[in-house]
Amino acid sequence: MDGIVTPEAVVLDVETAGVASRVFSGIIDFAIQIAMLWIGALVLTIVGAADPSSLNTGTALLVALVLMGYPVISETLMRGRTVGKRAMGLRAVTVEGAPIRFRHAMLRMMGGLVDRYLPPLGVTGTLFVMGTSRHQRVGDLIAGTIVIRDPDRTLLPPAVWFPVPPGLEAFAATINPTAMTDEHYTVVRSFLMRNRELSPDARYSLATDLAGRMAVVLQHEGAKRVHPEAYLLCVISRYQRRKFPEHQPAAWLAPSARVR
């Protein structure tokens, strides 16, 4: 288990992927790439049989597209996963725990050319995974990413329904949570569930920072009108009611999430 410190200074415990799971993930992806190359070569042979020059050019482009394009496109569209990673329950994220973007996927692919295809074919990447504290291969080190066990495959935390603080119902109704993502929700929820583990000064400082960040995300100007923790409760409550309108139990709040 390795801690990831988010930009909001919340520590998340995650399990980094080991050598075996990453090897099997790579084998699955490599098998898919081989199948894509075989199908593409068959099509090129049929289409360009009369023109050897075009056939050679098409083959070179096909190899480059499959070997370099497949991981970049997959990890960009699938938020850090390829078919192999999904099958093994893995996901690539930044070292801050955020989803990777196109530039991360591109840098990971460039490092992957060293990890997988330069002699001695995969041994370099394996040695880096085994020798780094966060099990990072060359591509991970270049891109600033790590591969973790996909949180979607782990047991979900117990459900907690966050009610709007008494007297702030009208204020909460002015918050539109549409721009809030699952990642934002996870960070706010983690803070509200664990805020009593912080010192009073650190708790207030972090709550103020989180409330300000969420106000920017939601384009809401009311963060400074209420206590920052009350604002976060309003935000997360509105998000839960929008995302889970059919699951609204009797309102209750974990003791650690109460504002003081």
C-alpha atoms as a PDB file:
ATOM      1  CA  MET A   1       0.000   0.000   0.000  1.00  0.00           C
ATOM      2  CA  ASP A   2       1.401   3.390  -1.031  1.00  0.00           C
ATOM      3  CA  GLY A   3       0.062   6.789  -0.107  1.00  0.00           C
ATOM      4  CA  ILE A   4      -0.917   9.282  -2.801  1.00  0.00           C
ATOM      5  CA  VAL A   5      -1.075  12.907  -1.692  1.00  0.00           C
ATOM      6  CA  THR A   6      -3.663  14.741  -3.767  1.00  0.00           C
ATOM      7  CA  PRO A   7      -3.349  18.454  -4.599  1.00  0.00           C
ATOM      8  CA  GLU A   8      -5.899  19.017  -1.813  1.00  0.00           C
ATOM      9  CA  ALA A   9      -3.417  17.437   0.672  1.00  0.00           C
ATOM     10  CA  VAL A  10      -5.597  14.365   1.238  1.00  0.00           C
ATOM     11  CA  VAL A  11      -3.683  11.094   1.548  1.00  0.00           C
ATOM     12  CA  LEU A  12      -5.230   8.190  -0.354  1.00  0.00           C
ATOM     13  CA  ASP A  13      -4.115   4.618   0.292  1.00  0.00           C
ATOM     14  CA  VAL A  14      -3.785   2.673  -2.942  1.00  0.00           C
ATOM     15  CA  GLU A  15      -2.267  -0.661  -3.911  1.00  0.00           C
ATOM     16  CA  THR A  16       0.269  -0.426  -6.697  1.00  0.00           C
ATOM     17  CA  ALA A  17       0.307  -3.149  -9.332  1.00  0.00           C
ATOM     18  CA  GLY A  18       3.042  -5.741  -9.033  1.00  0.00           C
ATOM     19  CA  VAL A  19       5.174  -7.395 -11.693  1.00  0.00           C
ATOM     20  CA  ALA A  20       2.951 -10.426 -12.313  1.00  0.00           C
ATOM     21  CA  SER A  21      -0.275  -8.502 -12.930  1.00  0.00           C
ATOM     22  CA  ARG A  22       1.495  -6.029 -15.197  1.00  0.00           C
ATOM     23  CA  VAL A  23       3.142  -8.833 -17.187  1.00  0.00           C
ATOM     24  CA  PHE A  24      -0.172 -10.596 -17.740  1.00  0.00           C
ATOM     25  CA  SER A  25      -1.781  -7.275 -18.657  1.00  0.00           C
ATOM     26  CA  GLY A  26       0.985  -6.665 -21.180  1.00  0.00           C
ATOM     27  CA  ILE A  27       0.573 -10.162 -22.655  1.00  0.00           C
ATOM     28  CA  ILE A  28      -3.144  -9.540 -23.235  1.00  0.00           C
ATOM     29  CA  ASP A  29      -2.469  -6.194 -24.899  1.00  0.00           C
ATOM     30  CA  PHE A  30       0.337  -7.679 -27.011  1.00  0.00           C
ATOM     31  CA  ALA A  31      -1.974 -10.466 -28.182  1.00  0.00           C
ATOM     32  CA  ILE A  32      -4.538  -7.856 -29.206  1.00  0.00           C
ATOM     33  CA  GLN A  33      -1.876  -5.901 -31.081  1.00  0.00           C
ATOM     34  CA  ILE A  34      -0.734  -9.050 -32.907  1.00  0.00           C
ATOM     35  CA  ALA A  35      -4.340  -9.742 -33.935  1.00  0.00           C
ATOM     36  CA  MET A  36      -4.710  -6.149 -35.160  1.00  0.00           C
ATOM     37  CA  LEU A  37      -1.474  -6.448 -37.146  1.00  0.00           C
ATOM     38  CA  TRP A  38      -2.571  -9.741 -38.687  1.00  0.00           C
ATOM     39  CA  ILE A  39      -5.959  -8.376 -39.743  1.00  0.00           C
ATOM     40  CA  GLY A  40      -4.401  -5.141 -41.016  1.00  0.00           C
ATOM     41  CA  ALA A  41      -1.738  -7.026 -42.980  1.00  0.00           C
ATOM     42  CA  LEU A  42      -4.411  -9.209 -44.546  1.00  0.00           C
ATOM     43  CA  VAL A  43      -6.371  -6.143 -45.649  1.00  0.00           C
ATOM     44  CA  LEU A  44      -3.243  -4.443 -47.002  1.00  0.00           C
ATOM     45  CA  THR A  45      -2.296  -7.560 -48.926  1.00  0.00           C
ATOM     46  CA  ILE A  46      -5.684  -7.658 -50.610  1.00  0.00           C
ATOM     47  CA  VAL A  47      -5.821  -3.925 -51.332  1.00  0.00           C
ATOM     48  CA  GLY A  48      -2.183  -3.329 -52.331  1.00  0.00           C
ATOM     49  CA  ALA A  49      -1.244  -6.629 -53.931  1.00  0.00           C
ATOM     50  CA  ALA A  50      -0.544  -4.963 -57.286  1.00  0.00           C
ATOM     51  CA  ASP A  51       1.686  -2.249 -55.833  1.00  0.00           C
ATOM     52  CA  PRO A  52       4.582  -3.539 -53.686  1.00  0.00           C
ATOM     53  CA  SER A  53       5.728   0.003 -52.843  1.00  0.00           C
ATOM     54  CA  SER A  54       2.332   0.982 -51.439  1.00  0.00           C
ATOM     55  CA  LEU A  55       2.155  -2.332 -49.594  1.00  0.00           C
ATOM     56  CA  ASN A  56       5.501  -1.704 -47.860  1.00  0.00           C
ATOM     57  CA  THR A  57       4.516   1.851 -46.910  1.00  0.00           C
ATOM     58  CA  GLY A  58       1.132   0.720 -45.600  1.00  0.00           C
ATOM     59  CA  THR A  59       2.759  -2.052 -43.585  1.00  0.00           C
ATOM     60  CA  ALA A  60       5.169   0.383 -41.927  1.00  0.00           C
ATOM     61  CA  LEU A  61       2.327   2.755 -41.069  1.00  0.00           C
ATOM     62  CA  LEU A  62       0.238  -0.112 -39.734  1.00  0.00           C
ATOM     63  CA  VAL A  63       3.004  -1.337 -37.428  1.00  0.00           C
ATOM     64  CA  ALA A  64       3.614   2.190 -36.106  1.00  0.00           C
ATOM     65  CA  LEU A  65      -0.101   2.815 -35.563  1.00  0.00           C
ATOM     66  CA  VAL A  66      -0.701  -0.443 -33.723  1.00  0.00           C
ATOM     67  CA  LEU A  67       2.427  -0.454 -31.563  1.00  0.00           C
ATOM     68  CA  MET A  68       2.324   3.248 -30.658  1.00  0.00           C
ATOM     69  CA  GLY A  69      -1.289   4.259 -31.236  1.00  0.00           C
ATOM     70  CA  TYR A  70      -3.036   1.411 -29.409  1.00  0.00           C
ATOM     71  CA  PRO A  71      -1.709   2.199 -25.896  1.00  0.00           C
ATOM     72  CA  VAL A  72      -2.092   5.970 -26.320  1.00  0.00           C
ATOM     73  CA  ILE A  73      -5.661   5.833 -27.633  1.00  0.00           C
ATOM     74  CA  SER A  74      -6.724   3.150 -25.139  1.00  0.00           C
ATOM     75  CA  GLU A  75      -5.321   4.864 -22.056  1.00  0.00           C
ATOM     76  CA  THR A  76      -6.668   8.259 -23.126  1.00  0.00           C
ATOM     77  CA  LEU A  77     -10.214   7.093 -23.888  1.00  0.00           C
ATOM     78  CA  MET A  78     -10.422   4.500 -21.089  1.00  0.00           C
ATOM     79  CA  ARG A  79      -8.978   6.801 -18.391  1.00  0.00           C
ATOM     80  CA  GLY A  80      -5.699   5.016 -17.797  1.00  0.00           C
ATOM     81  CA  ARG A  81      -6.716   1.533 -18.862  1.00  0.00           C
ATOM     82  CA  THR A  82      -6.122  -0.727 -21.832  1.00  0.00           C
ATOM     83  CA  VAL A  83      -7.990  -3.955 -22.491  1.00  0.00           C
ATOM     84  CA  GLY A  84      -5.238  -5.836 -20.668  1.00  0.00           C
ATOM     85  CA  LYS A  85      -5.270  -3.487 -17.677  1.00  0.00           C
ATOM     86  CA  ARG A  86      -9.050  -3.704 -17.464  1.00  0.00           C
ATOM     87  CA  ALA A  87      -8.923  -7.500 -17.524  1.00  0.00           C
ATOM     88  CA  MET A  88      -6.378  -7.501 -14.682  1.00  0.00           C
ATOM     89  CA  GLY A  89      -8.136  -4.761 -12.691  1.00  0.00           C
ATOM     90  CA  LEU A  90      -5.389  -2.158 -13.168  1.00  0.00           C
ATOM     91  CA  ARG A  91      -5.379   1.536 -13.979  1.00  0.00           C
ATOM     92  CA  ALA A  92      -2.664   4.096 -14.677  1.00  0.00           C
ATOM     93  CA  VAL A  93      -2.991   7.368 -12.732  1.00  0.00           C
ATOM     94  CA  THR A  94      -0.722  10.315 -12.066  1.00  0.00           C
ATOM     95  CA  VAL A  95       1.438  10.263  -8.953  1.00  0.00           C
ATOM     96  CA  GLU A  96      -1.106  12.693  -7.422  1.00  0.00           C
ATOM     97  CA  GLY A  97      -3.898  10.181  -8.046  1.00  0.00           C
ATOM     98  CA  ALA A  98      -5.546  12.106 -10.894  1.00  0.00           C
ATOM     99  CA  PRO A  99      -6.713  10.477 -14.161  1.00  0.00           C
ATOM    100  CA  ILE A 100      -4.074  10.515 -16.878  1.00  0.00           C
ATOM    101  CA  ARG A 101      -4.494  12.606 -20.021  1.00  0.00           C
ATOM    102  CA  PHE A 102      -3.250  12.360 -23.592  1.00  0.00           C
ATOM    103  CA  ARG A 103       0.197  13.743 -22.789  1.00  0.00           C
ATOM    104  CA  HIS A 104       0.673  11.207 -20.000  1.00  0.00           C
ATOM    105  CA  ALA A 105      -0.385   8.380 -22.288  1.00  0.00           C
ATOM    106  CA  MET A 106       1.988   9.628 -24.988  1.00  0.00           C
ATOM    107  CA  LEU A 107       4.946   9.798 -22.604  1.00  0.00           C
ATOM    108  CA  ARG A 108       4.099   6.352 -21.218  1.00  0.00           C
ATOM    109  CA  MET A 109       4.064   4.974 -24.760  1.00  0.00           C
ATOM    110  CA  MET A 110       7.444   6.532 -25.561  1.00  0.00           C
ATOM    111  CA  GLY A 111       8.944   5.013 -22.437  1.00  0.00           C
ATOM    112  CA  GLY A 112       7.221   1.734 -23.294  1.00  0.00           C
ATOM    113  CA  LEU A 113       9.309   1.482 -26.452  1.00  0.00           C
ATOM    114  CA  VAL A 114      12.332   1.231 -24.159  1.00  0.00           C
ATOM    115  CA  ASP A 115      10.579  -1.009 -21.623  1.00  0.00           C
ATOM    116  CA  ARG A 116       9.244  -3.582 -24.051  1.00  0.00           C
ATOM    117  CA  TYR A 117      10.890  -3.524 -27.445  1.00  0.00           C
ATOM    118  CA  LEU A 118      14.547  -2.665 -26.939  1.00  0.00           C
ATOM    119  CA  PRO A 119      16.797  -5.645 -26.145  1.00  0.00           C
ATOM    120  CA  PRO A 120      16.419  -7.676 -24.048  1.00  0.00           C
ATOM    121  CA  LEU A 121      12.672  -7.278 -24.804  1.00  0.00           C
ATOM    122  CA  GLY A 122      10.736  -6.497 -21.637  1.00  0.00           C
ATOM    123  CA  VAL A 123      13.496  -7.228 -19.141  1.00  0.00           C
ATOM    124  CA  THR A 124      14.267  -3.507 -18.773  1.00  0.00           C
ATOM    125  CA  GLY A 125      10.694  -2.678 -17.805  1.00  0.00           C
ATOM    126  CA  THR A 126      10.504  -5.637 -15.418  1.00  0.00           C
ATOM    127  CA  LEU A 127      13.694  -4.592 -13.643  1.00  0.00           C
ATOM    128  CA  PHE A 128      12.418  -1.032 -13.223  1.00  0.00           C
ATOM    129  CA  VAL A 129       9.076  -2.263 -11.838  1.00  0.00           C
ATOM    130  CA  MET A 130      10.895  -4.499  -9.370  1.00  0.00           C
ATOM    131  CA  GLY A 131      13.476  -1.908  -8.420  1.00  0.00           C
ATOM    132  CA  THR A 132      11.356   1.209  -7.836  1.00  0.00           C
ATOM    133  CA  SER A 133       9.385   1.890  -4.674  1.00  0.00           C
ATOM    134  CA  ARG A 134       6.140   2.501  -6.563  1.00  0.00           C
ATOM    135  CA  HIS A 135       6.690  -0.226  -9.159  1.00  0.00           C
ATOM    136  CA  GLN A 136       7.233   2.272 -11.978  1.00  0.00           C
ATOM    137  CA  ARG A 137       8.672   1.343 -15.355  1.00  0.00           C
ATOM    138  CA  VAL A 138      10.561   3.804 -17.564  1.00  0.00           C
ATOM    139  CA  GLY A 139       7.341   5.127 -19.118  1.00  0.00           C
ATOM    140  CA  ASP A 140       5.863   5.773 -15.657  1.00  0.00           C
ATOM    141  CA  LEU A 141       8.942   7.667 -14.513  1.00  0.00           C
ATOM    142  CA  ILE A 142       8.928   9.851 -17.628  1.00  0.00           C
ATOM    143  CA  ALA A 143       5.181  10.572 -17.473  1.00  0.00           C
ATOM    144  CA  GLY A 144       4.902  10.896 -13.688  1.00  0.00           C
ATOM    145  CA  THR A 145       2.405   8.039 -13.377  1.00  0.00           C
ATOM    146  CA  ILE A 146       1.900   4.840 -11.430  1.00  0.00           C
ATOM    147  CA  VAL A 147      -0.218   1.764 -12.092  1.00  0.00           C
ATOM    148  CA  ILE A 148      -2.614   0.845  -9.288  1.00  0.00           C
ATOM    149  CA  ARG A 149      -5.239  -1.727  -8.537  1.00  0.00           C
ATOM    150  CA  ASP A 150      -8.370  -0.216 -10.008  1.00  0.00           C
ATOM    151  CA  PRO A 151     -10.456   1.255  -7.148  1.00  0.00           C
ATOM    152  CA  ASP A 152     -13.537   0.183  -9.124  1.00  0.00           C
ATOM    153  CA  ARG A 153     -12.604  -3.429  -8.339  1.00  0.00           C
ATOM    154  CA  THR A 154     -12.208  -2.913  -4.601  1.00  0.00           C
ATOM    155  CA  LEU A 155     -14.916  -3.030  -1.968  1.00  0.00           C
ATOM    156  CA  LEU A 156     -16.835   0.207  -1.815  1.00  0.00           C
ATOM    157  CA  PRO A 157     -16.725   2.203   1.426  1.00  0.00           C
ATOM    158  CA  PRO A 158     -19.863   2.168   3.556  1.00  0.00           C
ATOM    159  CA  ALA A 159     -22.602   4.424   2.249  1.00  0.00           C
ATOM    160  CA  VAL A 160     -22.904   7.740   4.051  1.00  0.00           C
ATOM    161  CA  TRP A 161     -25.692  10.187   3.297  1.00  0.00           C
ATOM    162  CA  PHE A 162     -24.634  13.769   3.937  1.00  0.00           C
ATOM    163  CA  PRO A 163     -27.563  16.049   4.814  1.00  0.00           C
ATOM    164  CA  VAL A 164     -27.614  19.789   4.289  1.00  0.00           C
ATOM    165  CA  PRO A 165     -26.727  21.573   7.564  1.00  0.00           C
ATOM    166  CA  PRO A 166     -29.882  22.880   9.290  1.00  0.00           C
ATOM    167  CA  GLY A 167     -30.832  26.352   8.140  1.00  0.00           C
ATOM    168  CA  LEU A 168     -28.798  26.181   4.917  1.00  0.00           C
ATOM    169  CA  GLU A 169     -31.410  24.471   2.738  1.00  0.00           C
ATOM    170  CA  ALA A 170     -32.074  27.598   0.670  1.00  0.00           C
ATOM    171  CA  PHE A 171     -28.344  28.284   0.328  1.00  0.00           C
ATOM    172  CA  ALA A 172     -27.658  24.706  -0.796  1.00  0.00           C
ATOM    173  CA  ALA A 173     -30.388  24.992  -3.432  1.00  0.00           C
ATOM    174  CA  THR A 174     -28.287  27.675  -5.177  1.00  0.00           C
ATOM    175  CA  ILE A 175     -25.460  25.177  -5.800  1.00  0.00           C
ATOM    176  CA  ASN A 176     -25.454  23.409  -9.153  1.00  0.00           C
ATOM    177  CA  PRO A 177     -23.309  20.248  -8.733  1.00  0.00           C
ATOM    178  CA  THR A 178     -23.266  19.343 -12.437  1.00  0.00           C
ATOM    179  CA  ALA A 179     -19.563  20.192 -12.892  1.00  0.00           C
ATOM    180  CA  MET A 180     -18.561  18.045  -9.914  1.00  0.00           C
ATOM    181  CA  THR A 181     -16.861  14.773 -10.877  1.00  0.00           C
ATOM    182  CA  ASP A 182     -16.542  11.479  -9.019  1.00  0.00           C
ATOM    183  CA  GLU A 183     -12.935  12.431  -8.228  1.00  0.00           C
ATOM    184  CA  HIS A 184     -14.070  15.684  -6.608  1.00  0.00           C
ATOM    185  CA  TYR A 185     -16.705  13.772  -4.636  1.00  0.00           C
ATOM    186  CA  THR A 186     -14.143  11.236  -3.408  1.00  0.00           C
ATOM    187  CA  VAL A 187     -11.785  13.938  -2.145  1.00  0.00           C
ATOM    188  CA  VAL A 188     -14.533  15.906  -0.359  1.00  0.00           C
ATOM    189  CA  ARG A 189     -15.995  12.724   1.126  1.00  0.00           C
ATOM    190  CA  SER A 190     -12.560  11.611   2.386  1.00  0.00           C
ATOM    191  CA  PHE A 191     -12.057  14.940   4.120  1.00  0.00           C
ATOM    192  CA  LEU A 192     -15.491  14.985   5.752  1.00  0.00           C
ATOM    193  CA  MET A 193     -15.097  11.415   6.971  1.00  0.00           C
ATOM    194  CA  ARG A 194     -11.615  11.950   8.422  1.00  0.00           C
ATOM    195  CA  ASN A 195     -11.557  15.604   9.433  1.00  0.00           C
ATOM    196  CA  ARG A 196     -11.446  14.825  13.174  1.00  0.00           C
ATOM    197  CA  GLU A 197      -8.050  13.224  12.686  1.00  0.00           C
ATOM    198  CA  LEU A 198      -6.634  16.692  11.945  1.00  0.00           C
ATOM    199  CA  SER A 199      -5.678  19.440  14.335  1.00  0.00           C
ATOM    200  CA  PRO A 200      -8.193  22.317  14.495  1.00  0.00           C
ATOM    201  CA  ASP A 201      -5.943  24.681  12.539  1.00  0.00           C
ATOM    202  CA  ALA A 202      -5.129  22.106   9.860  1.00  0.00           C
ATOM    203  CA  ARG A 203      -8.779  21.079   9.642  1.00  0.00           C
ATOM    204  CA  TYR A 204      -9.986  24.640   9.102  1.00  0.00           C
ATOM    205  CA  SER A 205      -7.193  25.429   6.657  1.00  0.00           C
ATOM    206  CA  LEU A 206      -7.841  22.334   4.543  1.00  0.00           C
ATOM    207  CA  ALA A 207     -11.611  22.877   4.641  1.00  0.00           C
ATOM    208  CA  THR A 208     -11.133  26.468   3.466  1.00  0.00           C
ATOM    209  CA  ASP A 209      -8.871  25.358   0.635  1.00  0.00           C
ATOM    210  CA  LEU A 210     -11.245  22.599  -0.467  1.00  0.00           C
ATOM    211  CA  ALA A 211     -14.269  24.909  -0.295  1.00  0.00           C
ATOM    212  CA  GLY A 212     -12.488  27.501  -2.421  1.00  0.00           C
ATOM    213  CA  ARG A 213     -11.493  24.911  -5.004  1.00  0.00           C
ATOM    214  CA  MET A 214     -15.006  23.511  -5.209  1.00  0.00           C
ATOM    215  CA  ALA A 215     -16.475  26.999  -5.533  1.00  0.00           C
ATOM    216  CA  VAL A 216     -14.234  27.546  -8.577  1.00  0.00           C
ATOM    217  CA  VAL A 217     -15.208  24.189 -10.088  1.00  0.00           C
ATOM    218  CA  LEU A 218     -18.918  24.832  -9.539  1.00  0.00           C
ATOM    219  CA  GLN A 219     -18.669  28.546 -10.420  1.00  0.00           C
ATOM    220  CA  HIS A 220     -20.468  29.382  -7.199  1.00  0.00           C
ATOM    221  CA  GLU A 221     -19.760  32.595  -5.326  1.00  0.00           C
ATOM    222  CA  GLY A 222     -21.197  31.686  -1.935  1.00  0.00           C
ATOM    223  CA  ALA A 223     -18.272  29.811  -0.363  1.00  0.00           C
ATOM    224  CA  LYS A 224     -17.221  32.773   1.788  1.00  0.00           C
ATOM    225  CA  ARG A 225     -20.720  33.307   3.206  1.00  0.00           C
ATOM    226  CA  VAL A 226     -20.756  30.126   5.315  1.00  0.00           C
ATOM    227  CA  HIS A 227     -18.326  27.993   7.283  1.00  0.00           C
ATOM    228  CA  PRO A 228     -16.114  26.074   4.810  1.00  0.00           C
ATOM    229  CA  GLU A 229     -17.130  22.657   6.175  1.00  0.00           C
ATOM    230  CA  ALA A 230     -20.790  23.653   5.968  1.00  0.00           C
ATOM    231  CA  TYR A 231     -20.183  24.658   2.367  1.00  0.00           C
ATOM    232  CA  LEU A 232     -18.606  21.263   1.610  1.00  0.00           C
ATOM    233  CA  LEU A 233     -21.577  19.527   3.218  1.00  0.00           C
ATOM    234  CA  CYS A 234     -23.946  21.541   1.018  1.00  0.00           C
ATOM    235  CA  VAL A 235     -21.914  20.665  -2.065  1.00  0.00           C
ATOM    236  CA  ILE A 236     -21.655  16.936  -1.363  1.00  0.00           C
ATOM    237  CA  SER A 237     -25.304  16.748  -0.346  1.00  0.00           C
ATOM    238  CA  ARG A 238     -26.404  18.370  -3.603  1.00  0.00           C
ATOM    239  CA  TYR A 239     -24.124  16.020  -5.549  1.00  0.00           C
ATOM    240  CA  GLN A 240     -25.554  12.928  -3.852  1.00  0.00           C
ATOM    241  CA  ARG A 241     -29.119  14.017  -4.497  1.00  0.00           C
ATOM    242  CA  ARG A 242     -28.372  14.685  -8.163  1.00  0.00           C
ATOM    243  CA  LYS A 243     -26.380  11.494  -8.729  1.00  0.00           C
ATOM    244  CA  PHE A 244     -28.534   9.138  -6.658  1.00  0.00           C
ATOM    245  CA  PRO A 245     -32.056  10.598  -6.747  1.00  0.00           C
ATOM    246  CA  GLU A 246     -33.622   7.161  -6.338  1.00  0.00           C
ATOM    247  CA  HIS A 247     -31.546   6.283  -3.249  1.00  0.00           C
ATOM    248  CA  GLN A 248     -32.346   8.814  -0.570  1.00  0.00           C
ATOM    249  CA  PRO A 249     -32.378   7.151   2.864  1.00  0.00           C
ATOM    250  CA  ALA A 250     -33.283   8.874   6.067  1.00  0.00           C
ATOM    251  CA  ALA A 251     -30.691  11.590   6.527  1.00  0.00           C
ATOM    252  CA  TRP A 252     -27.811  10.684   8.812  1.00  0.00           C
ATOM    253  CA  LEU A 253     -24.261  11.880   9.127  1.00  0.00           C
ATOM    254  CA  ALA A 254     -21.094  10.177  10.324  1.00  0.00           C
ATOM    255  CA  PRO A 255     -19.916  11.776  13.582  1.00  0.00           C
ATOM    256  CA  SER A 256     -16.531  12.671  12.043  1.00  0.00           C
ATOM    257  CA  ALA A 257     -18.219  14.755   9.365  1.00  0.00           C
ATOM    258  CA  ARG A 258     -20.123  17.133  11.654  1.00  0.00           C
ATOM    259  CA  VAL A 259     -19.097  20.758  11.552  1.00  0.00           C
ATOM    260  CA  ARG A 260     -17.670  22.168  14.734  1.00  0.00           C
END
